[in-house]
Amino acid sequence: MIQTVILAAGFSTRFGNNKLLMEFHDEPLYMHMVREVLTLKEHRSDMDGIVVVTQYPEIEDGLKEFPLLTAHNYNSREGISSSLKTGVKKLQLQQFGIEPKDFLLCCVADQPYLRWQTMDEMLKQYLCSQKSIGRMVYKSQYGNPVVFSGKYIQEIMNLSGDVGGKQIIKRYPQEVYNYQITDPLELKDFDTPQDIIS
């Protein structure tokens, strides 16, 4: 089964304020990824638990009516790795186990142009590739989401700092399947207010 972590706990340092709560196409920025992942789950029988990891009560409150879990990261200043570990722990506590035969899909909440169809096709091709790590790529630009075989869960739980799963990808380059996308906009995340406007 595929378990999913959506990372929504960043500090938006370059943005100047909380970009995840900024309105984008009539709803908070983070909601776009949440809706795409939920739609993806509706179209795939192998998707199971979904958890949104955040440090913001506004996001937790905004997701109360949705069929997913939320996890509060009290250690957000420790970086992306702390959010990944918080998400995995929440999934495991709610009986969404991640065995070596399972998979962990890692998404970021500030990527509003990514479509569920693209994630679906990436997962299909990744699962056929016999590789244990998959990621989206546009030409030579790497991006999210990234999917890991469950065999890496212990290594994910041992991560530290603000680089997240990149440490594991660098450790096992021969195990990486690069899914090439055709629209670079789908990889775009928002780092400045100008990104929202443009």
C-alpha atoms as a PDB file:
ATOM      1  CA  MET A   1       0.000   0.000   0.000  1.00  0.00           C
ATOM      2  CA  ILE A   2       0.994   3.623  -0.514  1.00  0.00           C
ATOM      3  CA  GLN A   3       0.993   5.905   2.526  1.00  0.00           C
ATOM      4  CA  THR A   4       1.242   9.654   1.935  1.00  0.00           C
ATOM      5  CA  VAL A   5       2.828  12.519   3.858  1.00  0.00           C
ATOM      6  CA  ILE A   6       2.064  16.113   2.833  1.00  0.00           C
ATOM      7  CA  LEU A   7       4.576  18.559   4.298  1.00  0.00           C
ATOM      8  CA  ALA A   8       2.992  21.840   5.426  1.00  0.00           C
ATOM      9  CA  ALA A   9       5.157  22.934   8.353  1.00  0.00           C
ATOM     10  CA  GLY A  10       7.718  25.255   6.787  1.00  0.00           C
ATOM     11  CA  PHE A  11       8.528  28.781   7.958  1.00  0.00           C
ATOM     12  CA  SER A  12       8.236  30.542   4.571  1.00  0.00           C
ATOM     13  CA  THR A  13      11.431  32.464   5.390  1.00  0.00           C
ATOM     14  CA  ARG A  14      11.933  33.859   1.896  1.00  0.00           C
ATOM     15  CA  PHE A  15       8.231  34.587   1.484  1.00  0.00           C
ATOM     16  CA  GLY A  16       7.953  36.945   4.449  1.00  0.00           C
ATOM     17  CA  ASN A  17       4.791  35.465   5.978  1.00  0.00           C
ATOM     18  CA  ASN A  18       2.945  32.154   5.951  1.00  0.00           C
ATOM     19  CA  LYS A  19       2.620  31.396   2.242  1.00  0.00           C
ATOM     20  CA  LEU A  20       0.553  28.265   2.885  1.00  0.00           C
ATOM     21  CA  LEU A  21      -2.323  30.429   4.142  1.00  0.00           C
ATOM     22  CA  MET A  22      -2.185  32.861   1.233  1.00  0.00           C
ATOM     23  CA  GLU A  23      -5.212  32.837  -1.055  1.00  0.00           C
ATOM     24  CA  PHE A  24      -4.526  31.253  -4.424  1.00  0.00           C
ATOM     25  CA  HIS A  25      -7.415  30.688  -6.823  1.00  0.00           C
ATOM     26  CA  ASP A  26      -9.981  31.319  -4.087  1.00  0.00           C
ATOM     27  CA  GLU A  27      -8.590  29.044  -1.370  1.00  0.00           C
ATOM     28  CA  PRO A  28      -5.490  28.723   0.818  1.00  0.00           C
ATOM     29  CA  LEU A  29      -2.421  27.602  -1.069  1.00  0.00           C
ATOM     30  CA  TYR A  30      -2.033  24.349   0.887  1.00  0.00           C
ATOM     31  CA  MET A  31      -5.524  23.166  -0.082  1.00  0.00           C
ATOM     32  CA  HIS A  32      -4.572  22.648  -3.721  1.00  0.00           C
ATOM     33  CA  MET A  33      -2.162  19.812  -2.941  1.00  0.00           C
ATOM     34  CA  VAL A  34      -4.549  18.333  -0.391  1.00  0.00           C
ATOM     35  CA  ARG A  35      -7.358  18.161  -2.953  1.00  0.00           C
ATOM     36  CA  GLU A  36      -5.120  16.652  -5.629  1.00  0.00           C
ATOM     37  CA  VAL A  37      -3.865  13.938  -3.290  1.00  0.00           C
ATOM     38  CA  LEU A  38      -7.403  13.108  -2.148  1.00  0.00           C
ATOM     39  CA  THR A  39      -8.512  12.886  -5.780  1.00  0.00           C
ATOM     40  CA  LEU A  40      -5.519  10.670  -6.524  1.00  0.00           C
ATOM     41  CA  LYS A  41      -6.609   8.333  -3.734  1.00  0.00           C
ATOM     42  CA  GLU A  42     -10.110   8.131  -5.231  1.00  0.00           C
ATOM     43  CA  HIS A  43      -8.576   6.815  -8.453  1.00  0.00           C
ATOM     44  CA  ARG A  44      -6.120   4.328  -6.953  1.00  0.00           C
ATOM     45  CA  SER A  45      -6.974   1.243  -4.931  1.00  0.00           C
ATOM     46  CA  ASP A  46      -3.445   1.008  -3.492  1.00  0.00           C
ATOM     47  CA  MET A  47      -3.467   4.304  -1.583  1.00  0.00           C
ATOM     48  CA  ASP A  48      -4.150   4.157   2.132  1.00  0.00           C
ATOM     49  CA  GLY A  49      -3.326   6.708   4.830  1.00  0.00           C
ATOM     50  CA  ILE A  50      -2.786  10.419   4.177  1.00  0.00           C
ATOM     51  CA  VAL A  51      -1.304  12.738   6.787  1.00  0.00           C
ATOM     52  CA  VAL A  52      -0.679  16.479   6.590  1.00  0.00           C
ATOM     53  CA  VAL A  53       2.182  17.565   8.850  1.00  0.00           C
ATOM     54  CA  THR A  54       2.033  21.182   9.990  1.00  0.00           C
ATOM     55  CA  GLN A  55       2.872  23.541  12.817  1.00  0.00           C
ATOM     56  CA  TYR A  56      -0.069  25.834  12.054  1.00  0.00           C
ATOM     57  CA  PRO A  57      -3.414  25.523  13.905  1.00  0.00           C
ATOM     58  CA  GLU A  58      -5.144  27.247  10.970  1.00  0.00           C
ATOM     59  CA  ILE A  59      -4.203  24.349   8.693  1.00  0.00           C
ATOM     60  CA  GLU A  60      -5.219  21.741  11.259  1.00  0.00           C
ATOM     61  CA  ASP A  61      -8.582  23.463  11.684  1.00  0.00           C
ATOM     62  CA  GLY A  62      -9.053  23.818   7.943  1.00  0.00           C
ATOM     63  CA  LEU A  63      -8.656  20.076   7.412  1.00  0.00           C
ATOM     64  CA  LYS A  64     -10.968  18.782  10.139  1.00  0.00           C
ATOM     65  CA  GLU A  65     -13.712  17.823   7.692  1.00  0.00           C
ATOM     66  CA  PHE A  66     -11.431  16.000   5.270  1.00  0.00           C
ATOM     67  CA  PRO A  67     -10.770  12.222   5.240  1.00  0.00           C
ATOM     68  CA  LEU A  68      -7.152  12.445   6.311  1.00  0.00           C
ATOM     69  CA  LEU A  69      -4.931  12.755   9.341  1.00  0.00           C
ATOM     70  CA  THR A  70      -3.088  15.805  10.609  1.00  0.00           C
ATOM     71  CA  ALA A  71       0.052  15.756  12.715  1.00  0.00           C
ATOM     72  CA  HIS A  72       1.448  18.753  14.599  1.00  0.00           C
ATOM     73  CA  ASN A  73       5.204  19.115  14.270  1.00  0.00           C
ATOM     74  CA  TYR A  74       6.460  20.690  17.465  1.00  0.00           C
ATOM     75  CA  ASN A  75      10.036  20.476  16.174  1.00  0.00           C
ATOM     76  CA  SER A  76       9.651  22.341  12.883  1.00  0.00           C
ATOM     77  CA  ARG A  77      12.832  24.314  13.462  1.00  0.00           C
ATOM     78  CA  GLU A  78      14.751  21.069  13.047  1.00  0.00           C
ATOM     79  CA  GLY A  79      13.834  21.087   9.349  1.00  0.00           C
ATOM     80  CA  ILE A  80      12.111  18.899   6.792  1.00  0.00           C
ATOM     81  CA  SER A  81      13.410  15.684   8.305  1.00  0.00           C
ATOM     82  CA  SER A  82      11.459  16.337  11.507  1.00  0.00           C
ATOM     83  CA  SER A  83       8.238  16.736   9.503  1.00  0.00           C
ATOM     84  CA  LEU A  84       8.831  13.503   7.603  1.00  0.00           C
ATOM     85  CA  LYS A  85       9.426  11.629  10.840  1.00  0.00           C
ATOM     86  CA  THR A  86       6.369  13.210  12.462  1.00  0.00           C
ATOM     87  CA  GLY A  87       4.225  12.088   9.522  1.00  0.00           C
ATOM     88  CA  VAL A  88       5.536   8.527   9.552  1.00  0.00           C
ATOM     89  CA  LYS A  89       4.963   8.242  13.316  1.00  0.00           C
ATOM     90  CA  LYS A  90       1.377   9.483  12.936  1.00  0.00           C
ATOM     91  CA  LEU A  91       0.663   6.977  10.177  1.00  0.00           C
ATOM     92  CA  GLN A  92       2.082   4.144  12.249  1.00  0.00           C
ATOM     93  CA  LEU A  93       0.128   5.190  15.347  1.00  0.00           C
ATOM     94  CA  GLN A  94      -3.085   5.090  13.294  1.00  0.00           C
ATOM     95  CA  GLN A  95      -2.299   1.571  12.051  1.00  0.00           C
ATOM     96  CA  PHE A  96      -1.203   2.674   8.577  1.00  0.00           C
ATOM     97  CA  GLY A  97       1.857   0.487   8.643  1.00  0.00           C
ATOM     98  CA  ILE A  98       4.771   0.925   6.276  1.00  0.00           C
ATOM     99  CA  GLU A  99       6.337  -2.475   5.722  1.00  0.00           C
ATOM    100  CA  PRO A 100       9.209  -3.089   3.257  1.00  0.00           C
ATOM    101  CA  LYS A 101       6.636  -4.035   0.607  1.00  0.00           C
ATOM    102  CA  ASP A 102       4.774  -0.730   1.095  1.00  0.00           C
ATOM    103  CA  PHE A 103       5.575   2.775  -0.144  1.00  0.00           C
ATOM    104  CA  LEU A 104       5.770   6.309   1.241  1.00  0.00           C
ATOM    105  CA  LEU A 105       4.719   9.180  -1.047  1.00  0.00           C
ATOM    106  CA  CYS A 106       6.142  12.529   0.103  1.00  0.00           C
ATOM    107  CA  CYS A 107       4.500  15.733  -1.163  1.00  0.00           C
ATOM    108  CA  VAL A 108       4.926  19.428  -0.377  1.00  0.00           C
ATOM    109  CA  ALA A 109       1.974  21.744   0.197  1.00  0.00           C
ATOM    110  CA  ASP A 110       3.251  24.716  -1.824  1.00  0.00           C
ATOM    111  CA  GLN A 111       3.107  23.067  -5.261  1.00  0.00           C
ATOM    112  CA  PRO A 112      -0.394  24.066  -6.406  1.00  0.00           C
ATOM    113  CA  TYR A 113      -0.036  23.361 -10.129  1.00  0.00           C
ATOM    114  CA  LEU A 114       0.699  19.661  -9.686  1.00  0.00           C
ATOM    115  CA  ARG A 115      -2.188  17.556 -10.991  1.00  0.00           C
ATOM    116  CA  TRP A 116      -3.328  14.233  -9.577  1.00  0.00           C
ATOM    117  CA  GLN A 117      -3.098  12.706 -13.059  1.00  0.00           C
ATOM    118  CA  THR A 118       0.628  13.438 -13.158  1.00  0.00           C
ATOM    119  CA  MET A 119       1.163  11.852  -9.749  1.00  0.00           C
ATOM    120  CA  ASP A 120      -0.887   8.850 -10.858  1.00  0.00           C
ATOM    121  CA  GLU A 121       1.226   8.322 -13.963  1.00  0.00           C
ATOM    122  CA  MET A 122       4.436   8.732 -11.974  1.00  0.00           C
ATOM    123  CA  LEU A 123       3.321   6.063  -9.516  1.00  0.00           C
ATOM    124  CA  LYS A 124       2.314   3.685 -12.317  1.00  0.00           C
ATOM    125  CA  GLN A 125       5.660   3.985 -14.040  1.00  0.00           C
ATOM    126  CA  TYR A 126       7.639   3.913 -10.798  1.00  0.00           C
ATOM    127  CA  LEU A 127       5.951   0.688  -9.697  1.00  0.00           C
ATOM    128  CA  CYS A 128       6.820  -0.889 -13.044  1.00  0.00           C
ATOM    129  CA  SER A 129      10.427   0.308 -12.933  1.00  0.00           C
ATOM    130  CA  GLN A 130      11.661  -2.104 -10.256  1.00  0.00           C
ATOM    131  CA  LYS A 131      13.416   0.858  -8.636  1.00  0.00           C
ATOM    132  CA  SER A 132      12.937   1.621  -4.936  1.00  0.00           C
ATOM    133  CA  ILE A 133      12.888   5.447  -5.111  1.00  0.00           C
ATOM    134  CA  GLY A 134      10.926   7.615  -7.544  1.00  0.00           C
ATOM    135  CA  ARG A 135      10.884  11.350  -8.154  1.00  0.00           C
ATOM    136  CA  MET A 136       9.557  13.889 -10.643  1.00  0.00           C
ATOM    137  CA  VAL A 137      11.936  15.552 -13.063  1.00  0.00           C
ATOM    138  CA  TYR A 138      11.644  18.223 -15.724  1.00  0.00           C
ATOM    139  CA  LYS A 139      14.723  17.914 -17.946  1.00  0.00           C
ATOM    140  CA  SER A 140      17.492  18.155 -15.311  1.00  0.00           C
ATOM    141  CA  GLN A 141      15.374  19.855 -12.621  1.00  0.00           C
ATOM    142  CA  TYR A 142      14.427  17.496  -9.797  1.00  0.00           C
ATOM    143  CA  GLY A 143      11.317  18.072  -7.726  1.00  0.00           C
ATOM    144  CA  ASN A 144       8.508  16.651  -5.645  1.00  0.00           C
ATOM    145  CA  PRO A 145       6.748  14.418  -4.950  1.00  0.00           C
ATOM    146  CA  VAL A 146       9.181  11.635  -4.108  1.00  0.00           C
ATOM    147  CA  VAL A 147       8.175   8.067  -3.361  1.00  0.00           C
ATOM    148  CA  PHE A 148      10.218   5.651  -1.256  1.00  0.00           C
ATOM    149  CA  SER A 149      10.001   1.925  -0.826  1.00  0.00           C
ATOM    150  CA  GLY A 150       9.067   0.940   2.705  1.00  0.00           C
ATOM    151  CA  LYS A 151      12.495  -0.601   3.100  1.00  0.00           C
ATOM    152  CA  TYR A 152      13.846   2.921   3.688  1.00  0.00           C
ATOM    153  CA  ILE A 153      11.577   3.760   6.613  1.00  0.00           C
ATOM    154  CA  GLN A 154      14.239   3.236   9.241  1.00  0.00           C
ATOM    155  CA  GLU A 155      16.635   5.457   7.299  1.00  0.00           C
ATOM    156  CA  ILE A 156      13.921   8.118   7.031  1.00  0.00           C
ATOM    157  CA  MET A 157      13.438   7.937  10.790  1.00  0.00           C
ATOM    158  CA  ASN A 158      17.183   8.496  11.217  1.00  0.00           C
ATOM    159  CA  LEU A 159      17.272  11.637   9.037  1.00  0.00           C
ATOM    160  CA  SER A 160      18.284  15.006  10.427  1.00  0.00           C
ATOM    161  CA  GLY A 161      18.388  18.602   9.222  1.00  0.00           C
ATOM    162  CA  ASP A 162      16.526  20.422   6.495  1.00  0.00           C
ATOM    163  CA  VAL A 163      17.249  18.247   3.461  1.00  0.00           C
ATOM    164  CA  GLY A 164      14.796  15.428   4.072  1.00  0.00           C
ATOM    165  CA  GLY A 165      14.794  12.503   1.692  1.00  0.00           C
ATOM    166  CA  LYS A 166      17.555  14.004  -0.472  1.00  0.00           C
ATOM    167  CA  GLN A 167      20.047  12.309   1.834  1.00  0.00           C
ATOM    168  CA  ILE A 168      18.633   8.917   0.935  1.00  0.00           C
ATOM    169  CA  ILE A 169      18.462   9.717  -2.780  1.00  0.00           C
ATOM    170  CA  LYS A 170      22.159  10.674  -2.749  1.00  0.00           C
ATOM    171  CA  ARG A 171      22.988   7.457  -0.916  1.00  0.00           C
ATOM    172  CA  TYR A 172      21.281   5.217  -3.483  1.00  0.00           C
ATOM    173  CA  PRO A 173      21.446   6.931  -6.903  1.00  0.00           C
ATOM    174  CA  GLN A 174      21.220   3.611  -8.722  1.00  0.00           C
ATOM    175  CA  GLU A 175      17.830   2.995  -7.078  1.00  0.00           C
ATOM    176  CA  VAL A 176      16.207   6.207  -8.355  1.00  0.00           C
ATOM    177  CA  TYR A 177      13.550   6.249 -11.067  1.00  0.00           C
ATOM    178  CA  ASN A 178      13.218   9.706 -12.639  1.00  0.00           C
ATOM    179  CA  TYR A 179       9.743  10.378 -13.997  1.00  0.00           C
ATOM    180  CA  GLN A 180      10.019  13.050 -16.679  1.00  0.00           C
ATOM    181  CA  ILE A 181       7.120  15.507 -16.836  1.00  0.00           C
ATOM    182  CA  THR A 182       6.255  17.792 -19.747  1.00  0.00           C
ATOM    183  CA  ASP A 183       5.026  20.885 -17.894  1.00  0.00           C
ATOM    184  CA  PRO A 184       7.628  22.559 -15.651  1.00  0.00           C
ATOM    185  CA  LEU A 185       4.868  24.526 -13.926  1.00  0.00           C
ATOM    186  CA  GLU A 186       3.834  21.365 -12.093  1.00  0.00           C
ATOM    187  CA  LEU A 187       7.151  21.354 -10.235  1.00  0.00           C
ATOM    188  CA  LYS A 188       6.887  25.024  -9.283  1.00  0.00           C
ATOM    189  CA  ASP A 189       6.721  25.810  -5.612  1.00  0.00           C
ATOM    190  CA  PHE A 190       6.136  29.270  -4.192  1.00  0.00           C
ATOM    191  CA  ASP A 191       9.014  31.037  -2.454  1.00  0.00           C
ATOM    192  CA  THR A 192       8.119  34.748  -2.853  1.00  0.00           C
ATOM    193  CA  PRO A 193       4.888  36.798  -3.048  1.00  0.00           C
ATOM    194  CA  GLN A 194       5.706  37.424  -6.715  1.00  0.00           C
ATOM    195  CA  ASP A 195       5.274  33.695  -7.362  1.00  0.00           C
ATOM    196  CA  ILE A 196       1.683  33.951  -6.114  1.00  0.00           C
ATOM    197  CA  ILE A 197       0.944  36.946  -8.326  1.00  0.00           C
ATOM    198  CA  SER A 198       2.557  35.545 -11.468  1.00  0.00           C
END
